[in-house]
Amino acid sequence: MSVVPTAAGRALPNEQAGALYDQLFALKGADSNWRDNENSAGSMRQQLSCVLVNYRSKTPWNLEPFRPALSDSETRGAGCNPVPR
């Protein structure tokens, strides 16, 4: 899923990543690609948080539901794109 955050979304403090996720889920959570392919619960939330914290100036933000939910350090170490083990 390619996401182009607004200036306000990009400027959110790191600790408000949950609010950004909630907004994205409200807009795109019913998308069948997201709904059917998020095999690791929480992986989209984790990727969004990782991108916000580490790559906020990048455009677009690419979030992929097939990615696994790992520890924050593992996700960050994979450039926010962890691969299934």
PDB file of N, CA and C in Angstrom:
ATOM      1  N   MET A   1       0.851  -1.147   0.000  1.00  0.00           N
ATOM      2  CA  MET A   1       0.000   0.000   0.000  1.00  0.00           C
ATOM      3  C   MET A   1       0.908   1.225   0.000  1.00  0.00           C
ATOM      4  N   SER A   2       0.703   2.089  -0.950  1.00  0.00           N
ATOM      5  CA  SER A   2       1.482   3.311  -1.044  1.00  0.00           C
ATOM      6  C   SER A   2       0.721   4.426  -0.335  1.00  0.00           C
ATOM      7  N   VAL A   3       1.370   5.054   0.632  1.00  0.00           N
ATOM      8  CA  VAL A   3       0.740   6.093   1.437  1.00  0.00           C
ATOM      9  C   VAL A   3       1.545   7.384   1.285  1.00  0.00           C
ATOM     10  N   VAL A   4       0.858   8.458   0.940  1.00  0.00           N
ATOM     11  CA  VAL A   4       1.493   9.771   0.888  1.00  0.00           C
ATOM     12  C   VAL A   4       0.900  10.573   2.038  1.00  0.00           C
ATOM     13  N   PRO A   5       1.647  10.697   3.137  1.00  0.00           N
ATOM     14  CA  PRO A   5       1.103  11.384   4.309  1.00  0.00           C
ATOM     15  C   PRO A   5       0.990  12.888   4.075  1.00  0.00           C
ATOM     16  N   THR A   6       0.021  13.474   4.732  1.00  0.00           N
ATOM     17  CA  THR A   6      -0.100  14.930   4.696  1.00  0.00           C
ATOM     18  C   THR A   6       1.045  15.528   5.506  1.00  0.00           C
ATOM     19  N   ALA A   7       1.231  16.826   5.386  1.00  0.00           N
ATOM     20  CA  ALA A   7       2.264  17.513   6.176  1.00  0.00           C
ATOM     21  C   ALA A   7       1.984  17.326   7.668  1.00  0.00           C
ATOM     22  N   ALA A   8       0.720  17.368   8.047  1.00  0.00           N
ATOM     23  CA  ALA A   8       0.360  17.188   9.460  1.00  0.00           C
ATOM     24  C   ALA A   8       0.672  15.762   9.920  1.00  0.00           C
ATOM     25  N   GLY A   9       0.384  14.782   9.100  1.00  0.00           N
ATOM     26  CA  GLY A   9       0.687  13.395   9.454  1.00  0.00           C
ATOM     27  C   GLY A   9       2.180  13.168   9.573  1.00  0.00           C
ATOM     28  N   ARG A  10       2.925  13.754   8.662  1.00  0.00           N
ATOM     29  CA  ARG A  10       4.381  13.615   8.667  1.00  0.00           C
ATOM     30  C   ARG A  10       5.006  14.290   9.889  1.00  0.00           C
ATOM     31  N   ALA A  11       4.351  15.327  10.392  1.00  0.00           N
ATOM     32  CA  ALA A  11       4.890  16.096  11.521  1.00  0.00           C
ATOM     33  C   ALA A  11       4.470  15.560  12.891  1.00  0.00           C
ATOM     34  N   LEU A  12       3.642  14.520  12.907  1.00  0.00           N
ATOM     35  CA  LEU A  12       3.195  13.984  14.197  1.00  0.00           C
ATOM     36  C   LEU A  12       4.381  13.537  15.049  1.00  0.00           C
ATOM     37  N   PRO A  13       4.321  13.781  16.334  1.00  0.00           N
ATOM     38  CA  PRO A  13       5.353  13.232  17.219  1.00  0.00           C
ATOM     39  C   PRO A  13       5.317  11.702  17.169  1.00  0.00           C
ATOM     40  N   ASN A  14       6.456  11.083  17.352  1.00  0.00           N
ATOM     41  CA  ASN A  14       6.569   9.620  17.288  1.00  0.00           C
ATOM     42  C   ASN A  14       5.539   8.921  18.167  1.00  0.00           C
ATOM     43  N   GLU A  15       5.280   9.478  19.342  1.00  0.00           N
ATOM     44  CA  GLU A  15       4.371   8.816  20.276  1.00  0.00           C
ATOM     45  C   GLU A  15       2.907   8.883  19.821  1.00  0.00           C
ATOM     46  N   GLN A  16       2.616   9.586  18.744  1.00  0.00           N
ATOM     47  CA  GLN A  16       1.255   9.640  18.215  1.00  0.00           C
ATOM     48  C   GLN A  16       1.073   8.778  16.961  1.00  0.00           C
ATOM     49  N   ALA A  17       2.006   7.865  16.736  1.00  0.00           N
ATOM     50  CA  ALA A  17       1.907   6.972  15.575  1.00  0.00           C
ATOM     51  C   ALA A  17       0.608   6.181  15.605  1.00  0.00           C
ATOM     52  N   GLY A  18       0.113   5.860  16.776  1.00  0.00           N
ATOM     53  CA  GLY A  18      -1.143   5.115  16.895  1.00  0.00           C
ATOM     54  C   GLY A  18      -2.313   5.878  16.295  1.00  0.00           C
ATOM     55  N   ALA A  19      -2.343   7.189  16.486  1.00  0.00           N
ATOM     56  CA  ALA A  19      -3.419   8.005  15.911  1.00  0.00           C
ATOM     57  C   ALA A  19      -3.328   8.010  14.391  1.00  0.00           C
ATOM     58  N   LEU A  20      -2.117   8.057  13.868  1.00  0.00           N
ATOM     59  CA  LEU A  20      -1.918   8.006  12.422  1.00  0.00           C
ATOM     60  C   LEU A  20      -2.377   6.655  11.872  1.00  0.00           C
ATOM     61  N   TYR A  21      -2.038   5.589  12.562  1.00  0.00           N
ATOM     62  CA  TYR A  21      -2.483   4.251  12.153  1.00  0.00           C
ATOM     63  C   TYR A  21      -4.011   4.160  12.166  1.00  0.00           C
ATOM     64  N   ASP A  22      -4.627   4.679  13.217  1.00  0.00           N
ATOM     65  CA  ASP A  22      -6.086   4.618  13.323  1.00  0.00           C
ATOM     66  C   ASP A  22      -6.745   5.329  12.140  1.00  0.00           C
ATOM     67  N   GLN A  23      -6.189   6.461  11.737  1.00  0.00           N
ATOM     68  CA  GLN A  23      -6.731   7.200  10.602  1.00  0.00           C
ATOM     69  C   GLN A  23      -6.542   6.400   9.306  1.00  0.00           C
ATOM     70  N   LEU A  24      -5.362   5.831   9.127  1.00  0.00           N
ATOM     71  CA  LEU A  24      -5.103   5.028   7.935  1.00  0.00           C
ATOM     72  C   LEU A  24      -6.021   3.806   7.895  1.00  0.00           C
ATOM     73  N   PHE A  25      -6.212   3.165   9.037  1.00  0.00           N
ATOM     74  CA  PHE A  25      -7.086   1.997   9.088  1.00  0.00           C
ATOM     75  C   PHE A  25      -8.527   2.383   8.760  1.00  0.00           C
ATOM     76  N   ALA A  26      -8.971   3.533   9.251  1.00  0.00           N
ATOM     77  CA  ALA A  26     -10.329   3.990   8.950  1.00  0.00           C
ATOM     78  C   ALA A  26     -10.501   4.216   7.444  1.00  0.00           C
ATOM     79  N   LEU A  27      -9.450   4.690   6.790  1.00  0.00           N
ATOM     80  CA  LEU A  27      -9.524   4.957   5.354  1.00  0.00           C
ATOM     81  C   LEU A  27      -9.321   3.714   4.495  1.00  0.00           C
ATOM     82  N   LYS A  28      -8.413   2.825   4.907  1.00  0.00           N
ATOM     83  CA  LYS A  28      -7.994   1.728   4.033  1.00  0.00           C
ATOM     84  C   LYS A  28      -8.116   0.333   4.640  1.00  0.00           C
ATOM     85  N   GLY A  29      -8.556   0.237   5.870  1.00  0.00           N
ATOM     86  CA  GLY A  29      -8.593  -1.052   6.555  1.00  0.00           C
ATOM     87  C   GLY A  29      -9.505  -2.089   5.918  1.00  0.00           C
ATOM     88  N   ALA A  30     -10.486  -1.648   5.157  1.00  0.00           N
ATOM     89  CA  ALA A  30     -11.387  -2.592   4.492  1.00  0.00           C
ATOM     90  C   ALA A  30     -10.820  -3.089   3.165  1.00  0.00           C
ATOM     91  N   ASP A  31      -9.683  -2.537   2.738  1.00  0.00           N
ATOM     92  CA  ASP A  31      -9.057  -2.960   1.487  1.00  0.00           C
ATOM     93  C   ASP A  31      -8.753  -4.451   1.566  1.00  0.00           C
ATOM     94  N   SER A  32      -9.173  -5.207   0.561  1.00  0.00           N
ATOM     95  CA  SER A  32      -9.004  -6.662   0.612  1.00  0.00           C
ATOM     96  C   SER A  32      -7.535  -7.072   0.663  1.00  0.00           C
ATOM     97  N   ASN A  33      -6.655  -6.308   0.039  1.00  0.00           N
ATOM     98  CA  ASN A  33      -5.225  -6.631   0.091  1.00  0.00           C
ATOM     99  C   ASN A  33      -4.722  -6.574   1.536  1.00  0.00           C
ATOM    100  N   TRP A  34      -5.116  -5.562   2.260  1.00  0.00           N
ATOM    101  CA  TRP A  34      -4.713  -5.429   3.656  1.00  0.00           C
ATOM    102  C   TRP A  34      -5.394  -6.518   4.477  1.00  0.00           C
ATOM    103  N   ARG A  35      -6.693  -6.575   4.368  1.00  0.00           N
ATOM    104  CA  ARG A  35      -7.495  -7.496   5.193  1.00  0.00           C
ATOM    105  C   ARG A  35      -7.098  -8.954   4.971  1.00  0.00           C
ATOM    106  N   ASP A  36      -6.851  -9.339   3.736  1.00  0.00           N
ATOM    107  CA  ASP A  36      -6.584 -10.740   3.413  1.00  0.00           C
ATOM    108  C   ASP A  36      -5.117 -11.145   3.541  1.00  0.00           C
ATOM    109  N   ASN A  37      -4.220 -10.182   3.562  1.00  0.00           N
ATOM    110  CA  ASN A  37      -2.793 -10.520   3.520  1.00  0.00           C
ATOM    111  C   ASN A  37      -1.984 -10.142   4.747  1.00  0.00           C
ATOM    112  N   GLU A  38      -2.608  -9.532   5.745  1.00  0.00           N
ATOM    113  CA  GLU A  38      -1.866  -9.232   6.975  1.00  0.00           C
ATOM    114  C   GLU A  38      -1.825 -10.512   7.815  1.00  0.00           C
ATOM    115  N   ASN A  39      -0.847 -11.335   7.520  1.00  0.00           N
ATOM    116  CA  ASN A  39      -0.721 -12.636   8.173  1.00  0.00           C
ATOM    117  C   ASN A  39      -0.134 -12.553   9.572  1.00  0.00           C
ATOM    118  N   SER A  40       0.513 -11.471   9.874  1.00  0.00           N
ATOM    119  CA  SER A  40       1.134 -11.267  11.177  1.00  0.00           C
ATOM    120  C   SER A  40       0.453 -10.055  11.822  1.00  0.00           C
ATOM    121  N   ALA A  41      -0.438 -10.324  12.747  1.00  0.00           N
ATOM    122  CA  ALA A  41      -1.224  -9.248  13.362  1.00  0.00           C
ATOM    123  C   ALA A  41      -0.328  -8.126  13.869  1.00  0.00           C
ATOM    124  N   GLY A  42      -0.675  -6.919  13.477  1.00  0.00           N
ATOM    125  CA  GLY A  42       0.067  -5.750  13.926  1.00  0.00           C
ATOM    126  C   GLY A  42       1.201  -5.331  13.016  1.00  0.00           C
ATOM    127  N   SER A  43       1.436  -6.072  11.943  1.00  0.00           N
ATOM    128  CA  SER A  43       2.582  -5.743  11.095  1.00  0.00           C
ATOM    129  C   SER A  43       2.415  -4.397  10.388  1.00  0.00           C
ATOM    130  N   MET A  44       1.215  -4.053   9.968  1.00  0.00           N
ATOM    131  CA  MET A  44       1.008  -2.771   9.287  1.00  0.00           C
ATOM    132  C   MET A  44       1.204  -1.625  10.275  1.00  0.00           C
ATOM    133  N   ARG A  45       0.724  -1.786  11.488  1.00  0.00           N
ATOM    134  CA  ARG A  45       0.925  -0.760  12.519  1.00  0.00           C
ATOM    135  C   ARG A  45       2.420  -0.582  12.780  1.00  0.00           C
ATOM    136  N   GLN A  46       3.140  -1.686  12.880  1.00  0.00           N
ATOM    137  CA  GLN A  46       4.568  -1.625  13.165  1.00  0.00           C
ATOM    138  C   GLN A  46       5.342  -0.965  12.021  1.00  0.00           C
ATOM    139  N   GLN A  47       5.005  -1.302  10.784  1.00  0.00           N
ATOM    140  CA  GLN A  47       5.679  -0.677   9.645  1.00  0.00           C
ATOM    141  C   GLN A  47       5.416   0.819   9.614  1.00  0.00           C
ATOM    142  N   LEU A  48       4.157   1.217   9.845  1.00  0.00           N
ATOM    143  CA  LEU A  48       3.819   2.641   9.834  1.00  0.00           C
ATOM    144  C   LEU A  48       4.598   3.386  10.909  1.00  0.00           C
ATOM    145  N   SER A  49       4.653   2.838  12.095  1.00  0.00           N
ATOM    146  CA  SER A  49       5.405   3.457  13.181  1.00  0.00           C
ATOM    147  C   SER A  49       6.889   3.550  12.835  1.00  0.00           C
ATOM    148  N   CYS A  50       7.434   2.488  12.269  1.00  0.00           N
ATOM    149  CA  CYS A  50       8.852   2.456  11.898  1.00  0.00           C
ATOM    150  C   CYS A  50       9.172   3.529  10.859  1.00  0.00           C
ATOM    151  N   VAL A  51       8.306   3.653   9.860  1.00  0.00           N
ATOM    152  CA  VAL A  51       8.538   4.658   8.819  1.00  0.00           C
ATOM    153  C   VAL A  51       8.410   6.062   9.399  1.00  0.00           C
ATOM    154  N   LEU A  52       7.416   6.288  10.243  1.00  0.00           N
ATOM    155  CA  LEU A  52       7.243   7.599  10.859  1.00  0.00           C
ATOM    156  C   LEU A  52       8.482   7.998  11.659  1.00  0.00           C
ATOM    157  N   VAL A  53       8.998   7.066  12.430  1.00  0.00           N
ATOM    158  CA  VAL A  53      10.149   7.358  13.286  1.00  0.00           C
ATOM    159  C   VAL A  53      11.452   7.486  12.497  1.00  0.00           C
ATOM    160  N   ASN A  54      11.642   6.645  11.479  1.00  0.00           N
ATOM    161  CA  ASN A  54      12.942   6.563  10.818  1.00  0.00           C
ATOM    162  C   ASN A  54      13.029   7.169   9.422  1.00  0.00           C
ATOM    163  N   TYR A  55      11.913   7.269   8.731  1.00  0.00           N
ATOM    164  CA  TYR A  55      11.932   7.731   7.333  1.00  0.00           C
ATOM    165  C   TYR A  55      10.810   8.712   7.042  1.00  0.00           C
ATOM    166  N   ARG A  56      10.494   9.571   7.973  1.00  0.00           N
ATOM    167  CA  ARG A  56       9.311  10.425   7.827  1.00  0.00           C
ATOM    168  C   ARG A  56       9.358  11.324   6.608  1.00  0.00           C
ATOM    169  N   SER A  57      10.539  11.680   6.103  1.00  0.00           N
ATOM    170  CA  SER A  57      10.606  12.568   4.941  1.00  0.00           C
ATOM    171  C   SER A  57      10.485  11.814   3.618  1.00  0.00           C
ATOM    172  N   LYS A  58      10.538  10.488   3.662  1.00  0.00           N
ATOM    173  CA  LYS A  58      10.418   9.676   2.442  1.00  0.00           C
ATOM    174  C   LYS A  58       8.989   9.775   1.890  1.00  0.00           C
ATOM    175  N   THR A  59       8.870   9.795   0.585  1.00  0.00           N
ATOM    176  CA  THR A  59       7.561   9.809  -0.058  1.00  0.00           C
ATOM    177  C   THR A  59       7.605   8.890  -1.250  1.00  0.00           C
ATOM    178  N   PRO A  60       6.661   8.030  -1.435  1.00  0.00           N
ATOM    179  CA  PRO A  60       5.600   7.657  -0.505  1.00  0.00           C
ATOM    180  C   PRO A  60       6.114   6.686   0.550  1.00  0.00           C
ATOM    181  N   TRP A  61       5.253   6.416   1.506  1.00  0.00           N
ATOM    182  CA  TRP A  61       5.540   5.379   2.476  1.00  0.00           C
ATOM    183  C   TRP A  61       4.890   4.110   1.916  1.00  0.00           C
ATOM    184  N   ASN A  62       5.661   3.057   1.787  1.00  0.00           N
ATOM    185  CA  ASN A  62       5.129   1.792   1.270  1.00  0.00           C
ATOM    186  C   ASN A  62       4.977   0.807   2.412  1.00  0.00           C
ATOM    187  N   LEU A  63       3.750   0.398   2.645  1.00  0.00           N
ATOM    188  CA  LEU A  63       3.417  -0.545   3.713  1.00  0.00           C
ATOM    189  C   LEU A  63       2.887  -1.812   3.060  1.00  0.00           C
ATOM    190  N   GLU A  64       3.400  -2.937   3.497  1.00  0.00           N
ATOM    191  CA  GLU A  64       3.043  -4.199   2.862  1.00  0.00           C
ATOM    192  C   GLU A  64       2.505  -5.177   3.895  1.00  0.00           C
ATOM    193  N   PRO A  65       1.264  -5.602   3.722  1.00  0.00           N
ATOM    194  CA  PRO A  65       0.625  -6.426   4.741  1.00  0.00           C
ATOM    195  C   PRO A  65       1.242  -7.806   4.933  1.00  0.00           C
ATOM    196  N   PHE A  66       2.007  -8.303   3.974  1.00  0.00           N
ATOM    197  CA  PHE A  66       2.593  -9.638   4.128  1.00  0.00           C
ATOM    198  C   PHE A  66       3.809  -9.631   5.052  1.00  0.00           C
ATOM    199  N   ARG A  67       4.337  -8.458   5.371  1.00  0.00           N
ATOM    200  CA  ARG A  67       5.528  -8.382   6.216  1.00  0.00           C
ATOM    201  C   ARG A  67       5.206  -8.860   7.630  1.00  0.00           C
ATOM    202  N   PRO A  68       6.144  -9.515   8.286  1.00  0.00           N
ATOM    203  CA  PRO A  68       5.882 -10.007   9.646  1.00  0.00           C
ATOM    204  C   PRO A  68       6.027  -8.898  10.690  1.00  0.00           C
ATOM    205  N   ALA A  69       5.374  -9.080  11.795  1.00  0.00           N
ATOM    206  CA  ALA A  69       5.568  -8.204  12.948  1.00  0.00           C
ATOM    207  C   ALA A  69       6.719  -8.791  13.758  1.00  0.00           C
ATOM    208  N   LEU A  70       7.793  -8.049  13.855  1.00  0.00           N
ATOM    209  CA  LEU A  70       8.970  -8.462  14.619  1.00  0.00           C
ATOM    210  C   LEU A  70       9.216  -7.427  15.710  1.00  0.00           C
ATOM    211  N   SER A  71      10.327  -7.533  16.395  1.00  0.00           N
ATOM    212  CA  SER A  71      10.649  -6.516  17.396  1.00  0.00           C
ATOM    213  C   SER A  71      10.919  -5.196  16.673  1.00  0.00           C
ATOM    214  N   ASP A  72      10.805  -4.095  17.395  1.00  0.00           N
ATOM    215  CA  ASP A  72      11.072  -2.791  16.795  1.00  0.00           C
ATOM    216  C   ASP A  72      12.487  -2.710  16.241  1.00  0.00           C
ATOM    217  N   SER A  73      13.449  -3.264  16.969  1.00  0.00           N
ATOM    218  CA  SER A  73      14.838  -3.191  16.500  1.00  0.00           C
ATOM    219  C   SER A  73      15.049  -4.033  15.240  1.00  0.00           C
ATOM    220  N   GLU A  74      14.400  -5.196  15.159  1.00  0.00           N
ATOM    221  CA  GLU A  74      14.514  -6.023  13.955  1.00  0.00           C
ATOM    222  C   GLU A  74      13.852  -5.335  12.752  1.00  0.00           C
ATOM    223  N   THR A  75      12.711  -4.724  13.002  1.00  0.00           N
ATOM    224  CA  THR A  75      12.012  -4.023  11.925  1.00  0.00           C
ATOM    225  C   THR A  75      12.840  -2.837  11.453  1.00  0.00           C
ATOM    226  N   ARG A  76      13.370  -2.069  12.370  1.00  0.00           N
ATOM    227  CA  ARG A  76      14.220  -0.924  12.021  1.00  0.00           C
ATOM    228  C   ARG A  76      15.470  -1.402  11.284  1.00  0.00           C
ATOM    229  N   GLY A  77      16.073  -2.486  11.726  1.00  0.00           N
ATOM    230  CA  GLY A  77      17.266  -3.025  11.090  1.00  0.00           C
ATOM    231  C   GLY A  77      17.016  -3.508   9.666  1.00  0.00           C
ATOM    232  N   ALA A  78      15.755  -3.826   9.359  1.00  0.00           N
ATOM    233  CA  ALA A  78      15.393  -4.265   8.017  1.00  0.00           C
ATOM    234  C   ALA A  78      14.886  -3.096   7.167  1.00  0.00           C
ATOM    235  N   GLY A  79      15.171  -1.867   7.609  1.00  0.00           N
ATOM    236  CA  GLY A  79      14.701  -0.708   6.862  1.00  0.00           C
ATOM    237  C   GLY A  79      13.201  -0.589   6.859  1.00  0.00           C
ATOM    238  N   CYS A  80      12.555  -1.093   7.891  1.00  0.00           N
ATOM    239  CA  CYS A  80      11.100  -1.125   8.070  1.00  0.00           C
ATOM    240  C   CYS A  80      10.420  -2.133   7.143  1.00  0.00           C
ATOM    241  N   ASN A  81      11.206  -2.976   6.479  1.00  0.00           N
ATOM    242  CA  ASN A  81      10.682  -3.978   5.552  1.00  0.00           C
ATOM    243  C   ASN A  81      11.161  -5.384   5.921  1.00  0.00           C
ATOM    244  N   PRO A  82      10.774  -5.882   7.104  1.00  0.00           N
ATOM    245  CA  PRO A  82      11.239  -7.213   7.496  1.00  0.00           C
ATOM    246  C   PRO A  82      10.695  -8.295   6.566  1.00  0.00           C
ATOM    247  N   VAL A  83      11.444  -9.339   6.422  1.00  0.00           N
ATOM    248  CA  VAL A  83      11.013 -10.459   5.584  1.00  0.00           C
ATOM    249  C   VAL A  83      10.564 -11.607   6.481  1.00  0.00           C
ATOM    250  N   PRO A  84       9.602 -12.373   6.003  1.00  0.00           N
ATOM    251  CA  PRO A  84       9.159 -13.532   6.785  1.00  0.00           C
ATOM    252  C   PRO A  84      10.314 -14.489   7.032  1.00  0.00           C
ATOM    253  N   ARG A  85      10.337 -15.089   8.206  1.00  0.00           N
ATOM    254  CA  ARG A  85      11.396 -16.043   8.560  1.00  0.00           C
ATOM    255  C   ARG A  85      11.081 -17.406   8.042  1.00  0.00           C
TER     256      ARG A  85
END
